[in-house]
N, C-alpha and C. Protein backbone atom coordinates (compact mmCIF):
# COMPACT_ATOMS: atom_id res chain seq x y z
N MET A 1 30.45 16.13 31.80
CA MET A 1 29.12 16.70 31.73
C MET A 1 28.81 17.22 30.33
N ALA A 2 29.80 17.82 29.70
CA ALA A 2 29.61 18.34 28.34
C ALA A 2 29.37 17.20 27.36
N CYS A 3 30.01 16.07 27.62
CA CYS A 3 29.84 14.90 26.75
C CYS A 3 28.41 14.38 26.82
N VAL A 4 27.84 14.34 28.01
CA VAL A 4 26.46 13.88 28.19
C VAL A 4 25.50 14.83 27.49
N ARG A 5 25.74 16.12 27.62
CA ARG A 5 24.90 17.12 26.98
C ARG A 5 24.98 16.98 25.46
N ALA A 6 26.17 16.77 24.94
CA ALA A 6 26.35 16.61 23.49
C ALA A 6 25.62 15.36 22.99
N LEU A 7 25.68 14.28 23.75
CA LEU A 7 24.97 13.06 23.38
C LEU A 7 23.46 13.27 23.39
N CYS A 8 22.96 14.01 24.37
CA CYS A 8 21.52 14.30 24.42
C CYS A 8 21.09 15.12 23.22
N VAL A 9 21.88 16.12 22.86
CA VAL A 9 21.56 16.95 21.69
C VAL A 9 21.59 16.10 20.43
N LEU A 10 22.60 15.26 20.28
CA LEU A 10 22.71 14.38 19.12
C LEU A 10 21.51 13.44 19.05
N PHE A 11 21.13 12.87 20.16
CA PHE A 11 19.98 11.98 20.22
C PHE A 11 18.71 12.70 19.78
N MET A 12 18.50 13.92 20.24
CA MET A 12 17.31 14.68 19.88
C MET A 12 17.31 15.04 18.39
N VAL A 13 18.47 15.33 17.84
CA VAL A 13 18.57 15.63 16.41
C VAL A 13 18.23 14.39 15.59
N VAL A 14 18.76 13.25 15.97
CA VAL A 14 18.48 12.00 15.25
C VAL A 14 16.99 11.67 15.32
N ILE A 15 16.39 11.79 16.47
CA ILE A 15 14.95 11.53 16.62
C ILE A 15 14.15 12.51 15.75
N GLY A 16 14.54 13.76 15.74
CA GLY A 16 13.86 14.76 14.91
C GLY A 16 13.95 14.42 13.44
N LEU A 17 15.12 13.99 12.98
CA LEU A 17 15.29 13.61 11.58
C LEU A 17 14.45 12.39 11.23
N LEU A 18 14.39 11.43 12.13
CA LEU A 18 13.57 10.25 11.89
C LEU A 18 12.09 10.62 11.76
N CYS A 19 11.64 11.54 12.58
CA CYS A 19 10.25 11.98 12.50
C CYS A 19 9.96 12.70 11.19
N LEU A 20 10.90 13.47 10.70
CA LEU A 20 10.71 14.20 9.46
C LEU A 20 10.72 13.29 8.24
N THR A 21 11.52 12.23 8.28
CA THR A 21 11.65 11.38 7.10
C THR A 21 10.65 10.24 7.06
N SER A 22 10.03 9.92 8.17
CA SER A 22 9.06 8.82 8.15
C SER A 22 7.71 9.35 7.68
N THR A 23 7.05 8.56 6.83
CA THR A 23 5.72 8.93 6.35
C THR A 23 4.79 7.77 6.57
N GLY A 24 3.51 8.03 6.52
CA GLY A 24 2.52 6.98 6.67
C GLY A 24 2.57 5.97 5.54
N GLU A 25 2.99 6.40 4.35
CA GLU A 25 3.02 5.49 3.21
C GLU A 25 3.98 4.34 3.40
N GLY A 26 4.99 4.52 4.23
CA GLY A 26 5.95 3.45 4.45
C GLY A 26 5.33 2.25 5.14
N LEU A 27 4.21 2.46 5.81
CA LEU A 27 3.55 1.38 6.53
C LEU A 27 2.59 0.59 5.65
N TYR A 28 2.32 1.08 4.46
CA TYR A 28 1.34 0.46 3.57
C TYR A 28 2.01 -0.04 2.31
N ASP A 29 1.43 -1.07 1.75
CA ASP A 29 1.90 -1.62 0.49
C ASP A 29 0.95 -1.13 -0.59
N CYS A 30 1.25 0.03 -1.16
CA CYS A 30 0.35 0.68 -2.12
C CYS A 30 0.54 0.15 -3.53
N CYS A 31 -0.54 0.19 -4.30
CA CYS A 31 -0.49 -0.06 -5.74
C CYS A 31 -0.14 1.25 -6.43
N TYR A 32 0.75 1.21 -7.38
CA TYR A 32 1.11 2.40 -8.15
C TYR A 32 0.75 2.26 -9.62
N THR A 33 0.55 1.02 -10.06
CA THR A 33 0.13 0.74 -11.44
C THR A 33 -0.87 -0.41 -11.41
N TYR A 34 -1.55 -0.59 -12.55
CA TYR A 34 -2.52 -1.67 -12.67
C TYR A 34 -1.99 -2.77 -13.58
N THR A 35 -2.48 -3.97 -13.36
CA THR A 35 -2.14 -5.07 -14.25
C THR A 35 -2.83 -4.85 -15.59
N LYS A 36 -2.22 -5.35 -16.64
CA LYS A 36 -2.81 -5.26 -17.97
C LYS A 36 -3.55 -6.55 -18.33
N LYS A 37 -3.34 -7.60 -17.52
CA LYS A 37 -3.97 -8.89 -17.78
C LYS A 37 -5.10 -9.13 -16.79
N SER A 38 -6.13 -9.81 -17.27
CA SER A 38 -7.22 -10.17 -16.37
C SER A 38 -6.88 -11.48 -15.66
N LEU A 39 -7.51 -11.68 -14.52
CA LEU A 39 -7.27 -12.90 -13.73
C LEU A 39 -8.52 -13.77 -13.75
N PRO A 40 -8.35 -15.09 -13.80
CA PRO A 40 -9.51 -15.96 -13.67
C PRO A 40 -10.03 -15.94 -12.23
N VAL A 41 -11.32 -15.94 -12.08
CA VAL A 41 -11.95 -15.88 -10.75
C VAL A 41 -11.48 -17.03 -9.86
N LYS A 42 -11.27 -18.19 -10.44
CA LYS A 42 -10.96 -19.38 -9.62
C LYS A 42 -9.65 -19.29 -8.86
N ILE A 43 -8.72 -18.43 -9.28
CA ILE A 43 -7.45 -18.34 -8.54
C ILE A 43 -7.46 -17.25 -7.47
N ILE A 44 -8.51 -16.44 -7.44
CA ILE A 44 -8.58 -15.33 -6.49
C ILE A 44 -9.17 -15.83 -5.17
N LYS A 45 -8.41 -15.62 -4.10
CA LYS A 45 -8.85 -16.05 -2.76
C LYS A 45 -9.67 -14.95 -2.08
N SER A 46 -9.26 -13.70 -2.27
CA SER A 46 -9.97 -12.57 -1.68
C SER A 46 -9.51 -11.29 -2.37
N PHE A 47 -10.03 -10.17 -1.91
CA PHE A 47 -9.61 -8.89 -2.46
C PHE A 47 -9.75 -7.82 -1.39
N THR A 48 -9.09 -6.71 -1.62
CA THR A 48 -9.21 -5.54 -0.76
C THR A 48 -9.26 -4.31 -1.66
N THR A 49 -9.73 -3.22 -1.10
CA THR A 49 -9.89 -1.99 -1.86
C THR A 49 -8.89 -0.95 -1.38
N GLN A 50 -8.27 -0.27 -2.31
CA GLN A 50 -7.36 0.82 -2.00
C GLN A 50 -8.00 2.11 -2.52
N LYS A 51 -8.10 3.13 -1.67
CA LYS A 51 -8.69 4.41 -2.06
C LYS A 51 -7.61 5.49 -2.11
N PHE A 52 -7.67 6.33 -3.14
CA PHE A 52 -6.65 7.36 -3.32
C PHE A 52 -6.66 8.39 -2.19
N TYR A 53 -7.79 8.61 -1.58
CA TYR A 53 -7.88 9.66 -0.56
C TYR A 53 -7.44 9.17 0.83
N GLU A 54 -7.08 7.92 0.95
CA GLU A 54 -6.60 7.42 2.24
C GLU A 54 -5.09 7.63 2.33
N VAL A 55 -4.30 6.69 1.90
CA VAL A 55 -2.85 6.81 2.01
C VAL A 55 -2.17 6.75 0.65
N CYS A 56 -2.68 5.91 -0.23
CA CYS A 56 -2.03 5.66 -1.52
C CYS A 56 -2.53 6.64 -2.59
N ASP A 57 -1.85 6.65 -3.73
CA ASP A 57 -2.11 7.66 -4.76
C ASP A 57 -3.24 7.32 -5.73
N ILE A 58 -3.61 6.06 -5.88
CA ILE A 58 -4.63 5.68 -6.86
C ILE A 58 -5.66 4.75 -6.22
N ASP A 59 -6.86 4.75 -6.81
CA ASP A 59 -7.86 3.74 -6.44
C ASP A 59 -7.45 2.42 -7.07
N ALA A 60 -7.63 1.34 -6.35
CA ALA A 60 -7.29 0.02 -6.91
C ALA A 60 -8.06 -1.06 -6.17
N ILE A 61 -8.27 -2.15 -6.88
CA ILE A 61 -8.74 -3.38 -6.27
C ILE A 61 -7.52 -4.29 -6.21
N ILE A 62 -7.22 -4.80 -5.04
CA ILE A 62 -6.07 -5.67 -4.88
C ILE A 62 -6.59 -7.10 -4.74
N PHE A 63 -6.38 -7.89 -5.78
CA PHE A 63 -6.79 -9.29 -5.76
C PHE A 63 -5.68 -10.10 -5.11
N ILE A 64 -6.07 -10.96 -4.18
CA ILE A 64 -5.11 -11.78 -3.45
C ILE A 64 -5.30 -13.22 -3.88
N THR A 65 -4.22 -13.81 -4.39
CA THR A 65 -4.25 -15.21 -4.78
C THR A 65 -3.40 -15.99 -3.79
N LYS A 66 -3.25 -17.26 -4.03
CA LYS A 66 -2.43 -18.09 -3.14
C LYS A 66 -0.96 -17.67 -3.18
N LYS A 67 -0.50 -17.19 -4.35
CA LYS A 67 0.92 -16.90 -4.52
C LYS A 67 1.28 -15.42 -4.58
N PHE A 68 0.35 -14.56 -4.96
CA PHE A 68 0.71 -13.16 -5.16
C PHE A 68 -0.49 -12.23 -5.01
N ARG A 69 -0.21 -10.92 -5.08
CA ARG A 69 -1.23 -9.88 -5.05
C ARG A 69 -1.19 -9.13 -6.38
N VAL A 70 -2.35 -8.78 -6.89
CA VAL A 70 -2.44 -8.11 -8.19
C VAL A 70 -3.27 -6.84 -8.03
N CYS A 71 -2.72 -5.74 -8.50
CA CYS A 71 -3.43 -4.46 -8.47
C CYS A 71 -4.21 -4.28 -9.77
N ALA A 72 -5.50 -3.98 -9.64
CA ALA A 72 -6.35 -3.85 -10.81
C ALA A 72 -7.14 -2.54 -10.76
N ASN A 73 -7.47 -2.04 -11.94
CA ASN A 73 -8.24 -0.81 -12.06
C ASN A 73 -9.71 -1.11 -11.76
N PRO A 74 -10.29 -0.46 -10.76
CA PRO A 74 -11.68 -0.74 -10.41
C PRO A 74 -12.67 -0.35 -11.51
N GLU A 75 -12.24 0.42 -12.49
CA GLU A 75 -13.11 0.83 -13.60
C GLU A 75 -13.11 -0.17 -14.75
N ASP A 76 -12.16 -1.09 -14.78
CA ASP A 76 -12.09 -2.08 -15.87
C ASP A 76 -13.27 -3.05 -15.78
N LYS A 77 -13.80 -3.40 -16.94
CA LYS A 77 -14.96 -4.29 -17.00
C LYS A 77 -14.67 -5.65 -16.37
N TRP A 78 -13.50 -6.23 -16.67
CA TRP A 78 -13.18 -7.54 -16.13
C TRP A 78 -13.11 -7.51 -14.60
N VAL A 79 -12.64 -6.38 -14.04
CA VAL A 79 -12.55 -6.25 -12.58
C VAL A 79 -13.96 -6.23 -11.98
N LYS A 80 -14.86 -5.47 -12.60
CA LYS A 80 -16.24 -5.42 -12.12
C LYS A 80 -16.90 -6.80 -12.19
N ASN A 81 -16.62 -7.54 -13.26
CA ASN A 81 -17.18 -8.89 -13.39
C ASN A 81 -16.65 -9.83 -12.32
N VAL A 82 -15.36 -9.75 -12.05
CA VAL A 82 -14.76 -10.60 -11.02
C VAL A 82 -15.34 -10.25 -9.65
N LEU A 83 -15.49 -8.96 -9.37
CA LEU A 83 -16.06 -8.56 -8.08
C LEU A 83 -17.49 -9.07 -7.92
N LYS A 84 -18.28 -9.03 -8.98
CA LYS A 84 -19.64 -9.57 -8.92
C LYS A 84 -19.61 -11.07 -8.63
N ALA A 85 -18.70 -11.77 -9.26
CA ALA A 85 -18.59 -13.22 -9.06
C ALA A 85 -18.14 -13.56 -7.63
N LEU A 86 -17.30 -12.73 -7.05
CA LEU A 86 -16.79 -13.00 -5.71
C LEU A 86 -17.80 -12.64 -4.61
N ARG A 87 -18.69 -11.74 -4.91
CA ARG A 87 -19.66 -11.30 -3.88
C ARG A 87 -20.83 -12.17 -3.86
């Protein structure tokens, strides 16, 4: 009986530690830096927006190409031009 009680306590401690160490950010693929190079519009398939006040630390436009994702600064002129071309 003591063994079962000890296992229950251990299980509750492990679950508690998992709850403390898990964060919402682990579920998201956040941008932490911006690209320094501009992308040609023709290779961009789509884009998504990342907002600092949601889960991630910075605002970003995430351009999605056939092969990769690129994080860009939404304030950069080339990014604004690409967004206009895509819309």
